Amino acid sequence: MADQLLEQVRDVVDGQIDFQGQKLAEILATALLSVVGAISFFVGFFLQDIALALKVGLGGTALTFLAIIPPWPFFNQHPVKWLPVGGASVPSSHQNIVVDEKILAGR
């Protein structure tokens, strides 16, 4: 029981995200920070309050931080299938190599 709980905590802390998750995180960060910056500017401009504009900007940046930095599960929907340790289990003579959509026999 304790080992399962420790393994779950380790998975959460480990922070695994895949390549598509990294791209999604970058797009989300850019979009959220752009929206927050625009809202902050307009709030400060129309209310003529620089302190409020800074507070809105910092609050939005903090929310963006919370949305992007933790390794949420939706950032790891397409995990990479790595080769096993020590090489492939299939002998190299049975592997096919594809170059420019032409299949070459294993070498």
PDB file of N, CA and C in Angstrom:
ATOM      1  N   MET A   1       0.827  -1.197   0.000  1.00  0.00           N
ATOM      2  CA  MET A   1       0.000   0.000   0.000  1.00  0.00           C
ATOM      3  C   MET A   1       0.870   1.258   0.000  1.00  0.00           C
ATOM      4  N   ALA A   2       1.850   1.287   0.900  1.00  0.00           N
ATOM      5  CA  ALA A   2       2.724   2.451   0.989  1.00  0.00           C
ATOM      6  C   ALA A   2       3.582   2.595  -0.266  1.00  0.00           C
ATOM      7  N   ASP A   3       3.967   1.457  -0.862  1.00  0.00           N
ATOM      8  CA  ASP A   3       4.767   1.508  -2.088  1.00  0.00           C
ATOM      9  C   ASP A   3       3.965   2.093  -3.249  1.00  0.00           C
ATOM     10  N   GLN A   4       2.670   1.757  -3.332  1.00  0.00           N
ATOM     11  CA  GLN A   4       1.829   2.300  -4.393  1.00  0.00           C
ATOM     12  C   GLN A   4       1.663   3.813  -4.239  1.00  0.00           C
ATOM     13  N   LEU A   5       1.469   4.245  -2.999  1.00  0.00           N
ATOM     14  CA  LEU A   5       1.326   5.682  -2.740  1.00  0.00           C
ATOM     15  C   LEU A   5       2.620   6.417  -3.074  1.00  0.00           C
ATOM     16  N   LEU A   6       3.747   5.837  -2.688  1.00  0.00           N
ATOM     17  CA  LEU A   6       5.041   6.441  -2.988  1.00  0.00           C
ATOM     18  C   LEU A   6       5.273   6.506  -4.498  1.00  0.00           C
ATOM     19  N   GLU A   7       4.859   5.469  -5.217  1.00  0.00           N
ATOM     20  CA  GLU A   7       5.016   5.451  -6.668  1.00  0.00           C
ATOM     21  C   GLU A   7       4.145   6.531  -7.327  1.00  0.00           C
ATOM     22  N   GLN A   8       2.936   6.737  -6.825  1.00  0.00           N
ATOM     23  CA  GLN A   8       2.063   7.778  -7.371  1.00  0.00           C
ATOM     24  C   GLN A   8       2.644   9.162  -7.113  1.00  0.00           C
ATOM     25  N   VAL A   9       3.168   9.380  -5.931  1.00  0.00           N
ATOM     26  CA  VAL A   9       3.796  10.663  -5.603  1.00  0.00           C
ATOM     27  C   VAL A   9       5.013  10.882  -6.491  1.00  0.00           C
ATOM     28  N   ARG A  10       5.791   9.846  -6.696  1.00  0.00           N
ATOM     29  CA  ARG A  10       6.985   9.940  -7.548  1.00  0.00           C
ATOM     30  C   ARG A  10       6.605  10.287  -8.978  1.00  0.00           C
ATOM     31  N   ASP A  11       5.506   9.686  -9.492  1.00  0.00           N
ATOM     32  CA  ASP A  11       5.054   9.993 -10.848  1.00  0.00           C
ATOM     33  C   ASP A  11       4.626  11.450 -10.982  1.00  0.00           C
ATOM     34  N   VAL A  12       3.954  11.982  -9.960  1.00  0.00           N
ATOM     35  CA  VAL A  12       3.504  13.377  -9.994  1.00  0.00           C
ATOM     36  C   VAL A  12       4.696  14.326  -9.938  1.00  0.00           C
ATOM     37  N   VAL A  13       5.644  14.041  -9.068  1.00  0.00           N
ATOM     38  CA  VAL A  13       6.796  14.926  -8.880  1.00  0.00           C
ATOM     39  C   VAL A  13       7.766  14.827 -10.050  1.00  0.00           C
ATOM     40  N   ASP A  14       7.811  13.657 -10.687  1.00  0.00           N
ATOM     41  CA  ASP A  14       8.765  13.432 -11.777  1.00  0.00           C
ATOM     42  C   ASP A  14       8.534  14.395 -12.932  1.00  0.00           C
ATOM     43  N   GLY A  15       7.295  14.739 -13.220  1.00  0.00           N
ATOM     44  CA  GLY A  15       7.009  15.757 -14.228  1.00  0.00           C
ATOM     45  C   GLY A  15       7.170  15.304 -15.652  1.00  0.00           C
ATOM     46  N   GLN A  16       6.599  14.184 -15.999  1.00  0.00           N
ATOM     47  CA  GLN A  16       6.709  13.684 -17.364  1.00  0.00           C
ATOM     48  C   GLN A  16       5.693  14.367 -18.270  1.00  0.00           C
ATOM     49  N   ILE A  17       6.178  15.014 -19.311  1.00  0.00           N
ATOM     50  CA  ILE A  17       5.301  15.508 -20.367  1.00  0.00           C
ATOM     51  C   ILE A  17       5.940  15.114 -21.690  1.00  0.00           C
ATOM     52  N   ASP A  18       5.110  14.918 -22.704  1.00  0.00           N
ATOM     53  CA  ASP A  18       5.622  14.500 -23.996  1.00  0.00           C
ATOM     54  C   ASP A  18       5.903  15.719 -24.882  1.00  0.00           C
ATOM     55  N   PHE A  19       6.371  15.441 -26.098  1.00  0.00           N
ATOM     56  CA  PHE A  19       6.746  16.536 -26.999  1.00  0.00           C
ATOM     57  C   PHE A  19       5.535  17.366 -27.416  1.00  0.00           C
ATOM     58  N   GLN A  20       4.403  16.710 -27.668  1.00  0.00           N
ATOM     59  CA  GLN A  20       3.201  17.457 -28.028  1.00  0.00           C
ATOM     60  C   GLN A  20       2.702  18.260 -26.829  1.00  0.00           C
ATOM     61  N   GLY A  21       2.896  17.730 -25.623  1.00  0.00           N
ATOM     62  CA  GLY A  21       2.549  18.468 -24.410  1.00  0.00           C
ATOM     63  C   GLY A  21       3.412  19.704 -24.237  1.00  0.00           C
ATOM     64  N   GLN A  22       4.682  19.604 -24.616  1.00  0.00           N
ATOM     65  CA  GLN A  22       5.572  20.766 -24.548  1.00  0.00           C
ATOM     66  C   GLN A  22       5.109  21.848 -25.516  1.00  0.00           C
ATOM     67  N   LYS A  23       4.700  21.423 -26.703  1.00  0.00           N
ATOM     68  CA  LYS A  23       4.210  22.390 -27.690  1.00  0.00           C
ATOM     69  C   LYS A  23       2.926  23.055 -27.196  1.00  0.00           C
ATOM     70  N   LEU A  24       2.027  22.246 -26.618  1.00  0.00           N
ATOM     71  CA  LEU A  24       0.786  22.790 -26.069  1.00  0.00           C
ATOM     72  C   LEU A  24       1.067  23.765 -24.932  1.00  0.00           C
ATOM     73  N   ALA A  25       2.021  23.431 -24.066  1.00  0.00           N
ATOM     74  CA  ALA A  25       2.376  24.318 -22.954  1.00  0.00           C
ATOM     75  C   ALA A  25       2.922  25.643 -23.474  1.00  0.00           C
ATOM     76  N   GLU A  26       3.736  25.582 -24.517  1.00  0.00           N
ATOM     77  CA  GLU A  26       4.289  26.819 -25.085  1.00  0.00           C
ATOM     78  C   GLU A  26       3.187  27.690 -25.690  1.00  0.00           C
ATOM     79  N   ILE A  27       2.257  27.074 -26.417  1.00  0.00           N
ATOM     80  CA  ILE A  27       1.164  27.828 -27.029  1.00  0.00           C
ATOM     81  C   ILE A  27       0.267  28.437 -25.954  1.00  0.00           C
ATOM     82  N   LEU A  28      -0.066  27.630 -24.927  1.00  0.00           N
ATOM     83  CA  LEU A  28      -0.897  28.137 -23.842  1.00  0.00           C
ATOM     84  C   LEU A  28      -0.227  29.293 -23.103  1.00  0.00           C
ATOM     85  N   ALA A  29       1.059  29.153 -22.823  1.00  0.00           N
ATOM     86  CA  ALA A  29       1.774  30.212 -22.106  1.00  0.00           C
ATOM     87  C   ALA A  29       1.776  31.504 -22.920  1.00  0.00           C
ATOM     88  N   THR A  30       2.061  31.387 -24.204  1.00  0.00           N
ATOM     89  CA  THR A  30       2.088  32.572 -25.059  1.00  0.00           C
ATOM     90  C   THR A  30       0.713  33.232 -25.137  1.00  0.00           C
ATOM     91  N   ALA A  31      -0.313  32.425 -25.338  1.00  0.00           N
ATOM     92  CA  ALA A  31      -1.667  32.972 -25.459  1.00  0.00           C
ATOM     93  C   ALA A  31      -2.135  33.601 -24.145  1.00  0.00           C
ATOM     94  N   LEU A  32      -1.951  32.879 -23.036  1.00  0.00           N
ATOM     95  CA  LEU A  32      -2.406  33.401 -21.749  1.00  0.00           C
ATOM     96  C   LEU A  32      -1.671  34.684 -21.362  1.00  0.00           C
ATOM     97  N   LEU A  33      -0.360  34.703 -21.551  1.00  0.00           N
ATOM     98  CA  LEU A  33       0.395  35.909 -21.197  1.00  0.00           C
ATOM     99  C   LEU A  33       0.039  37.082 -22.099  1.00  0.00           C
ATOM    100  N   SER A  34      -0.275  36.819 -23.365  1.00  0.00           N
ATOM    101  CA  SER A  34      -0.693  37.891 -24.272  1.00  0.00           C
ATOM    102  C   SER A  34      -2.031  38.474 -23.839  1.00  0.00           C
ATOM    103  N   VAL A  35      -2.976  37.597 -23.501  1.00  0.00           N
ATOM    104  CA  VAL A  35      -4.294  38.055 -23.057  1.00  0.00           C
ATOM    105  C   VAL A  35      -4.172  38.834 -21.741  1.00  0.00           C
ATOM    106  N   VAL A  36      -3.396  38.299 -20.812  1.00  0.00           N
ATOM    107  CA  VAL A  36      -3.207  38.972 -19.522  1.00  0.00           C
ATOM    108  C   VAL A  36      -2.546  40.334 -19.722  1.00  0.00           C
ATOM    109  N   GLY A  37      -1.562  40.404 -20.603  1.00  0.00           N
ATOM    110  CA  GLY A  37      -0.906  41.684 -20.867  1.00  0.00           C
ATOM    111  C   GLY A  37      -1.866  42.707 -21.445  1.00  0.00           C
ATOM    112  N   ALA A  38      -2.716  42.267 -22.382  1.00  0.00           N
ATOM    113  CA  ALA A  38      -3.686  43.186 -22.984  1.00  0.00           C
ATOM    114  C   ALA A  38      -4.715  43.651 -21.955  1.00  0.00           C
ATOM    115  N   ILE A  39      -5.223  42.723 -21.161  1.00  0.00           N
ATOM    116  CA  ILE A  39      -6.197  43.096 -20.126  1.00  0.00           C
ATOM    117  C   ILE A  39      -5.564  44.054 -19.132  1.00  0.00           C
ATOM    118  N   SER A  40      -4.358  43.757 -18.717  1.00  0.00           N
ATOM    119  CA  SER A  40      -3.657  44.614 -17.758  1.00  0.00           C
ATOM    120  C   SER A  40      -3.463  46.021 -18.317  1.00  0.00           C
ATOM    121  N   PHE A  41      -3.066  46.094 -19.580  1.00  0.00           N
ATOM    122  CA  PHE A  41      -2.858  47.408 -20.199  1.00  0.00           C
ATOM    123  C   PHE A  41      -4.161  48.212 -20.234  1.00  0.00           C
ATOM    124  N   PHE A  42      -5.233  47.571 -20.701  1.00  0.00           N
ATOM    125  CA  PHE A  42      -6.496  48.299 -20.824  1.00  0.00           C
ATOM    126  C   PHE A  42      -7.075  48.699 -19.470  1.00  0.00           C
ATOM    127  N   VAL A  43      -6.934  47.827 -18.474  1.00  0.00           N
ATOM    128  CA  VAL A  43      -7.395  48.178 -17.124  1.00  0.00           C
ATOM    129  C   VAL A  43      -6.621  49.396 -16.616  1.00  0.00           C
ATOM    130  N   GLY A  44      -5.303  49.348 -16.761  1.00  0.00           N
ATOM    131  CA  GLY A  44      -4.486  50.476 -16.310  1.00  0.00           C
ATOM    132  C   GLY A  44      -4.754  51.749 -17.088  1.00  0.00           C
ATOM    133  N   PHE A  45      -4.969  51.621 -18.404  1.00  0.00           N
ATOM    134  CA  PHE A  45      -5.184  52.796 -19.247  1.00  0.00           C
ATOM    135  C   PHE A  45      -6.529  53.460 -18.959  1.00  0.00           C
ATOM    136  N   PHE A  46      -7.591  52.652 -18.939  1.00  0.00           N
ATOM    137  CA  PHE A  46      -8.921  53.240 -18.769  1.00  0.00           C
ATOM    138  C   PHE A  46      -9.177  53.716 -17.346  1.00  0.00           C
ATOM    139  N   LEU A  47      -8.601  53.046 -16.361  1.00  0.00           N
ATOM    140  CA  LEU A  47      -8.796  53.472 -14.977  1.00  0.00           C
ATOM    141  C   LEU A  47      -7.680  54.404 -14.502  1.00  0.00           C
ATOM    142  N   GLN A  48      -6.669  54.610 -15.356  1.00  0.00           N
ATOM    143  CA  GLN A  48      -5.524  55.474 -15.025  1.00  0.00           C
ATOM    144  C   GLN A  48      -4.914  55.077 -13.670  1.00  0.00           C
ATOM    145  N   ASP A  49      -4.655  53.773 -13.523  1.00  0.00           N
ATOM    146  CA  ASP A  49      -4.115  53.258 -12.261  1.00  0.00           C
ATOM    147  C   ASP A  49      -3.026  52.237 -12.582  1.00  0.00           C
ATOM    148  N   ILE A  50      -1.771  52.674 -12.505  1.00  0.00           N
ATOM    149  CA  ILE A  50      -0.651  51.808 -12.832  1.00  0.00           C
ATOM    150  C   ILE A  50      -0.502  50.676 -11.822  1.00  0.00           C
ATOM    151  N   ALA A  51      -0.806  50.950 -10.566  1.00  0.00           N
ATOM    152  CA  ALA A  51      -0.691  49.906  -9.531  1.00  0.00           C
ATOM    153  C   ALA A  51      -1.683  48.782  -9.797  1.00  0.00           C
ATOM    154  N   LEU A  52      -2.903  49.136 -10.183  1.00  0.00           N
ATOM    155  CA  LEU A  52      -3.909  48.123 -10.498  1.00  0.00           C
ATOM    156  C   LEU A  52      -3.494  47.331 -11.737  1.00  0.00           C
ATOM    157  N   ALA A  53      -2.927  48.017 -12.718  1.00  0.00           N
ATOM    158  CA  ALA A  53      -2.460  47.326 -13.919  1.00  0.00           C
ATOM    159  C   ALA A  53      -1.373  46.317 -13.576  1.00  0.00           C
ATOM    160  N   LEU A  54      -0.454  46.703 -12.688  1.00  0.00           N
ATOM    161  CA  LEU A  54       0.601  45.776 -12.270  1.00  0.00           C
ATOM    162  C   LEU A  54       0.036  44.596 -11.491  1.00  0.00           C
ATOM    163  N   LYS A  55      -0.949  44.854 -10.645  1.00  0.00           N
ATOM    164  CA  LYS A  55      -1.569  43.765  -9.873  1.00  0.00           C
ATOM    165  C   LYS A  55      -2.296  42.790 -10.790  1.00  0.00           C
ATOM    166  N   VAL A  56      -3.014  43.307 -11.773  1.00  0.00           N
ATOM    167  CA  VAL A  56      -3.711  42.443 -12.726  1.00  0.00           C
ATOM    168  C   VAL A  56      -2.690  41.629 -13.526  1.00  0.00           C
ATOM    169  N   GLY A  57      -1.630  42.278 -13.950  1.00  0.00           N
ATOM    170  CA  GLY A  57      -0.589  41.580 -14.706  1.00  0.00           C
ATOM    171  C   GLY A  57       0.103  40.502 -13.887  1.00  0.00           C
ATOM    172  N   LEU A  58       0.437  40.810 -12.645  1.00  0.00           N
ATOM    173  CA  LEU A  58       1.096  39.816 -11.794  1.00  0.00           C
ATOM    174  C   LEU A  58       0.155  38.672 -11.437  1.00  0.00           C
ATOM    175  N   GLY A  59      -1.115  38.993 -11.182  1.00  0.00           N
ATOM    176  CA  GLY A  59      -2.090  37.941 -10.897  1.00  0.00           C
ATOM    177  C   GLY A  59      -2.294  37.016 -12.087  1.00  0.00           C
ATOM    178  N   GLY A  60      -2.394  37.591 -13.264  1.00  0.00           N
ATOM    179  CA  GLY A  60      -2.539  36.780 -14.482  1.00  0.00           C
ATOM    180  C   GLY A  60      -1.312  35.947 -14.765  1.00  0.00           C
ATOM    181  N   THR A  61      -0.143  36.511 -14.489  1.00  0.00           N
ATOM    182  CA  THR A  61       1.091  35.747 -14.677  1.00  0.00           C
ATOM    183  C   THR A  61       1.155  34.585 -13.694  1.00  0.00           C
ATOM    184  N   ALA A  62       0.704  34.805 -12.460  1.00  0.00           N
ATOM    185  CA  ALA A  62       0.680  33.727 -11.466  1.00  0.00           C
ATOM    186  C   ALA A  62      -0.288  32.627 -11.892  1.00  0.00           C
ATOM    187  N   LEU A  63      -1.459  33.001 -12.408  1.00  0.00           N
ATOM    188  CA  LEU A  63      -2.410  31.993 -12.890  1.00  0.00           C
ATOM    189  C   LEU A  63      -1.850  31.223 -14.085  1.00  0.00           C
ATOM    190  N   THR A  64      -1.153  31.918 -14.970  1.00  0.00           N
ATOM    191  CA  THR A  64      -0.510  31.257 -16.096  1.00  0.00           C
ATOM    192  C   THR A  64       0.549  30.282 -15.604  1.00  0.00           C
ATOM    193  N   PHE A  65       1.303  30.692 -14.600  1.00  0.00           N
ATOM    194  CA  PHE A  65       2.312  29.836 -13.985  1.00  0.00           C
ATOM    195  C   PHE A  65       1.666  28.555 -13.463  1.00  0.00           C
ATOM    196  N   LEU A  66       0.534  28.687 -12.762  1.00  0.00           N
ATOM    197  CA  LEU A  66      -0.152  27.515 -12.220  1.00  0.00           C
ATOM    198  C   LEU A  66      -0.751  26.623 -13.305  1.00  0.00           C
ATOM    199  N   ALA A  67      -1.084  27.201 -14.441  1.00  0.00           N
ATOM    200  CA  ALA A  67      -1.653  26.414 -15.527  1.00  0.00           C
ATOM    201  C   ALA A  67      -0.591  25.690 -16.340  1.00  0.00           C
ATOM    202  N   ILE A  68       0.627  26.216 -16.371  1.00  0.00           N
ATOM    203  CA  ILE A  68       1.650  25.686 -17.270  1.00  0.00           C
ATOM    204  C   ILE A  68       2.714  24.856 -16.554  1.00  0.00           C
ATOM    205  N   ILE A  69       3.198  25.302 -15.421  1.00  0.00           N
ATOM    206  CA  ILE A  69       4.355  24.678 -14.779  1.00  0.00           C
ATOM    207  C   ILE A  69       4.092  23.269 -14.244  1.00  0.00           C
ATOM    208  N   PRO A  70       3.016  22.987 -13.527  1.00  0.00           N
ATOM    209  CA  PRO A  70       2.834  21.603 -13.054  1.00  0.00           C
ATOM    210  C   PRO A  70       2.644  20.646 -14.228  1.00  0.00           C
ATOM    211  N   PRO A  71       3.134  19.430 -14.113  1.00  0.00           N
ATOM    212  CA  PRO A  71       2.987  18.458 -15.210  1.00  0.00           C
ATOM    213  C   PRO A  71       1.584  17.845 -15.221  1.00  0.00           C
ATOM    214  N   TRP A  72       0.595  18.608 -15.633  1.00  0.00           N
ATOM    215  CA  TRP A  72      -0.779  18.131 -15.671  1.00  0.00           C
ATOM    216  C   TRP A  72      -0.877  16.936 -16.613  1.00  0.00           C
ATOM    217  N   PRO A  73      -1.798  16.021 -16.351  1.00  0.00           N
ATOM    218  CA  PRO A  73      -1.917  14.819 -17.200  1.00  0.00           C
ATOM    219  C   PRO A  73      -2.199  15.108 -18.675  1.00  0.00           C
ATOM    220  N   PHE A  74      -2.878  16.209 -18.996  1.00  0.00           N
ATOM    221  CA  PHE A  74      -3.155  16.491 -20.408  1.00  0.00           C
ATOM    222  C   PHE A  74      -1.903  16.892 -21.182  1.00  0.00           C
ATOM    223  N   PHE A  75      -0.781  17.127 -20.494  1.00  0.00           N
ATOM    224  CA  PHE A  75       0.489  17.381 -21.173  1.00  0.00           C
ATOM    225  C   PHE A  75       1.215  16.085 -21.530  1.00  0.00           C
ATOM    226  N   ASN A  76       0.682  14.927 -21.114  1.00  0.00           N
ATOM    227  CA  ASN A  76       1.343  13.646 -21.379  1.00  0.00           C
ATOM    228  C   ASN A  76       0.357  12.652 -21.974  1.00  0.00           C
ATOM    229  N   GLN A  77      -0.407  13.078 -22.973  1.00  0.00           N
ATOM    230  CA  GLN A  77      -1.377  12.195 -23.608  1.00  0.00           C
ATOM    231  C   GLN A  77      -0.765  11.337 -24.711  1.00  0.00           C
ATOM    232  N   HIS A  78       0.421  11.689 -25.187  1.00  0.00           N
ATOM    233  CA  HIS A  78       1.086  10.942 -26.260  1.00  0.00           C
ATOM    234  C   HIS A  78       2.513  10.612 -25.826  1.00  0.00           C
ATOM    235  N   PRO A  79       2.670   9.727 -24.837  1.00  0.00           N
ATOM    236  CA  PRO A  79       4.025   9.441 -24.345  1.00  0.00           C
ATOM    237  C   PRO A  79       4.886   8.767 -25.413  1.00  0.00           C
ATOM    238  N   VAL A  80       6.175   9.013 -25.342  1.00  0.00           N
ATOM    239  CA  VAL A  80       7.121   8.464 -26.297  1.00  0.00           C
ATOM    240  C   VAL A  80       7.427   7.017 -25.913  1.00  0.00           C
ATOM    241  N   LYS A  81       7.402   6.134 -26.898  1.00  0.00           N
ATOM    242  CA  LYS A  81       7.751   4.732 -26.673  1.00  0.00           C
ATOM    243  C   LYS A  81       9.249   4.573 -26.949  1.00  0.00           C
ATOM    244  N   TRP A  82      10.035   4.501 -25.877  1.00  0.00           N
ATOM    245  CA  TRP A  82      11.480   4.381 -26.009  1.00  0.00           C
ATOM    246  C   TRP A  82      11.873   2.928 -26.252  1.00  0.00           C
ATOM    247  N   LEU A  83      13.028   2.711 -26.863  1.00  0.00           N
ATOM    248  CA  LEU A  83      13.540   1.359 -27.050  1.00  0.00           C
ATOM    249  C   LEU A  83      13.931   0.780 -25.702  1.00  0.00           C
ATOM    250  N   PRO A  84      13.866  -0.530 -25.568  1.00  0.00           N
ATOM    251  CA  PRO A  84      14.269  -1.132 -24.298  1.00  0.00           C
ATOM    252  C   PRO A  84      15.765  -0.933 -24.049  1.00  0.00           C
ATOM    253  N   VAL A  85      16.134  -0.990 -22.787  1.00  0.00           N
ATOM    254  CA  VAL A  85      17.538  -0.823 -22.411  1.00  0.00           C
ATOM    255  C   VAL A  85      18.342  -1.979 -22.988  1.00  0.00           C
ATOM    256  N   GLY A  86      19.485  -1.672 -23.569  1.00  0.00           N
ATOM    257  CA  GLY A  86      20.339  -2.717 -24.136  1.00  0.00           C
ATOM    258  C   GLY A  86      20.076  -2.969 -25.599  1.00  0.00           C
ATOM    259  N   GLY A  87      19.264  -2.171 -26.242  1.00  0.00           N
ATOM    260  CA  GLY A  87      19.011  -2.320 -27.672  1.00  0.00           C
ATOM    261  C   GLY A  87      17.675  -2.988 -27.933  1.00  0.00           C
ATOM    262  N   ALA A  88      17.381  -3.156 -29.188  1.00  0.00           N
ATOM    263  CA  ALA A  88      16.107  -3.743 -29.587  1.00  0.00           C
ATOM    264  C   ALA A  88      16.126  -5.248 -29.377  1.00  0.00           C
ATOM    265  N   SER A  89      14.944  -5.811 -29.108  1.00  0.00           N
ATOM    266  CA  SER A  89      14.850  -7.245 -28.890  1.00  0.00           C
ATOM    267  C   SER A  89      14.798  -8.012 -30.212  1.00  0.00           C
ATOM    268  N   VAL A  90      14.558  -7.320 -31.331  1.00  0.00           N
ATOM    269  CA  VAL A  90      14.511  -7.956 -32.642  1.00  0.00           C
ATOM    270  C   VAL A  90      15.925  -7.975 -33.212  1.00  0.00           C
ATOM    271  N   PRO A  91      16.391  -9.126 -33.701  1.00  0.00           N
ATOM    272  CA  PRO A  91      17.735  -9.166 -34.292  1.00  0.00           C
ATOM    273  C   PRO A  91      17.852  -8.176 -35.446  1.00  0.00           C
ATOM    274  N   SER A  92      19.024  -7.592 -35.600  1.00  0.00           N
ATOM    275  CA  SER A  92      19.202  -6.550 -36.614  1.00  0.00           C
ATOM    276  C   SER A  92      19.017  -7.078 -38.026  1.00  0.00           C
ATOM    277  N   SER A  93      19.172  -8.387 -38.252  1.00  0.00           N
ATOM    278  CA  SER A  93      19.000  -8.932 -39.592  1.00  0.00           C
ATOM    279  C   SER A  93      17.539  -8.927 -40.027  1.00  0.00           C
ATOM    280  N   HIS A  94      16.585  -8.764 -39.079  1.00  0.00           N
ATOM    281  CA  HIS A  94      15.158  -8.766 -39.402  1.00  0.00           C
ATOM    282  C   HIS A  94      14.567  -7.369 -39.436  1.00  0.00           C
ATOM    283  N   GLN A  95      15.372  -6.353 -39.264  1.00  0.00           N
ATOM    284  CA  GLN A  95      14.855  -4.992 -39.280  1.00  0.00           C
ATOM    285  C   GLN A  95      14.886  -4.440 -40.695  1.00  0.00           C
ATOM    286  N   ASN A  96      13.885  -3.656 -41.023  1.00  0.00           N
ATOM    287  CA  ASN A  96      13.850  -2.982 -42.312  1.00  0.00           C
ATOM    288  C   ASN A  96      14.149  -1.510 -42.111  1.00  0.00           C
ATOM    289  N   ILE A  97      14.854  -0.923 -43.040  1.00  0.00           N
ATOM    290  CA  ILE A  97      15.197   0.490 -42.999  1.00  0.00           C
ATOM    291  C   ILE A  97      14.430   1.168 -44.117  1.00  0.00           C
ATOM    292  N   VAL A  98      13.726   2.255 -43.807  1.00  0.00           N
ATOM    293  CA  VAL A  98      12.941   2.989 -44.798  1.00  0.00           C
ATOM    294  C   VAL A  98      13.632   4.303 -45.084  1.00  0.00           C
ATOM    295  N   VAL A  99      13.999   4.509 -46.368  1.00  0.00           N
ATOM    296  CA  VAL A  99      14.637   5.734 -46.805  1.00  0.00           C
ATOM    297  C   VAL A  99      13.873   6.237 -48.019  1.00  0.00           C
ATOM    298  N   ASP A 100      13.352   7.449 -47.929  1.00  0.00           N
ATOM    299  CA  ASP A 100      12.586   8.032 -49.027  1.00  0.00           C
ATOM    300  C   ASP A 100      11.494   7.089 -49.505  1.00  0.00           C
ATOM    301  N   GLU A 101      10.755   6.498 -48.566  1.00  0.00           N
ATOM    302  CA  GLU A 101       9.645   5.598 -48.812  1.00  0.00           C
ATOM    303  C   GLU A 101      10.047   4.330 -49.547  1.00  0.00           C
ATOM    304  N   LYS A 102      11.346   3.993 -49.582  1.00  0.00           N
ATOM    305  CA  LYS A 102      11.826   2.735 -50.151  1.00  0.00           C
ATOM    306  C   LYS A 102      12.307   1.874 -48.996  1.00  0.00           C
ATOM    307  N   ILE A 103      11.882   0.622 -48.984  1.00  0.00           N
ATOM    308  CA  ILE A 103      12.279  -0.284 -47.919  1.00  0.00           C
ATOM    309  C   ILE A 103      13.576  -0.968 -48.308  1.00  0.00           C
ATOM    310  N   LEU A 104      14.577  -0.784 -47.464  1.00  0.00           N
ATOM    311  CA  LEU A 104      15.862  -1.446 -47.670  1.00  0.00           C
ATOM    312  C   LEU A 104      15.933  -2.623 -46.708  1.00  0.00           C
ATOM    313  N   ALA A 105      16.537  -3.698 -47.118  1.00  0.00           N
ATOM    314  CA  ALA A 105      16.660  -4.866 -46.244  1.00  0.00           C
ATOM    315  C   ALA A 105      17.571  -4.523 -45.083  1.00  0.00           C
ATOM    316  N   GLY A 106      17.380  -5.237 -43.974  1.00  0.00           N
ATOM    317  CA  GLY A 106      18.226  -5.000 -42.788  1.00  0.00           C
ATOM    318  C   GLY A 106      19.682  -5.239 -43.118  1.00  0.00           C
ATOM    319  N   ARG A 107      20.538  -4.392 -42.573  1.00  0.00           N
ATOM    320  CA  ARG A 107      21.966  -4.498 -42.880  1.00  0.00           C
ATOM    321  C   ARG A 107      22.747  -4.726 -41.635  1.00  0.00           C
TER     322      ARG A 107
END
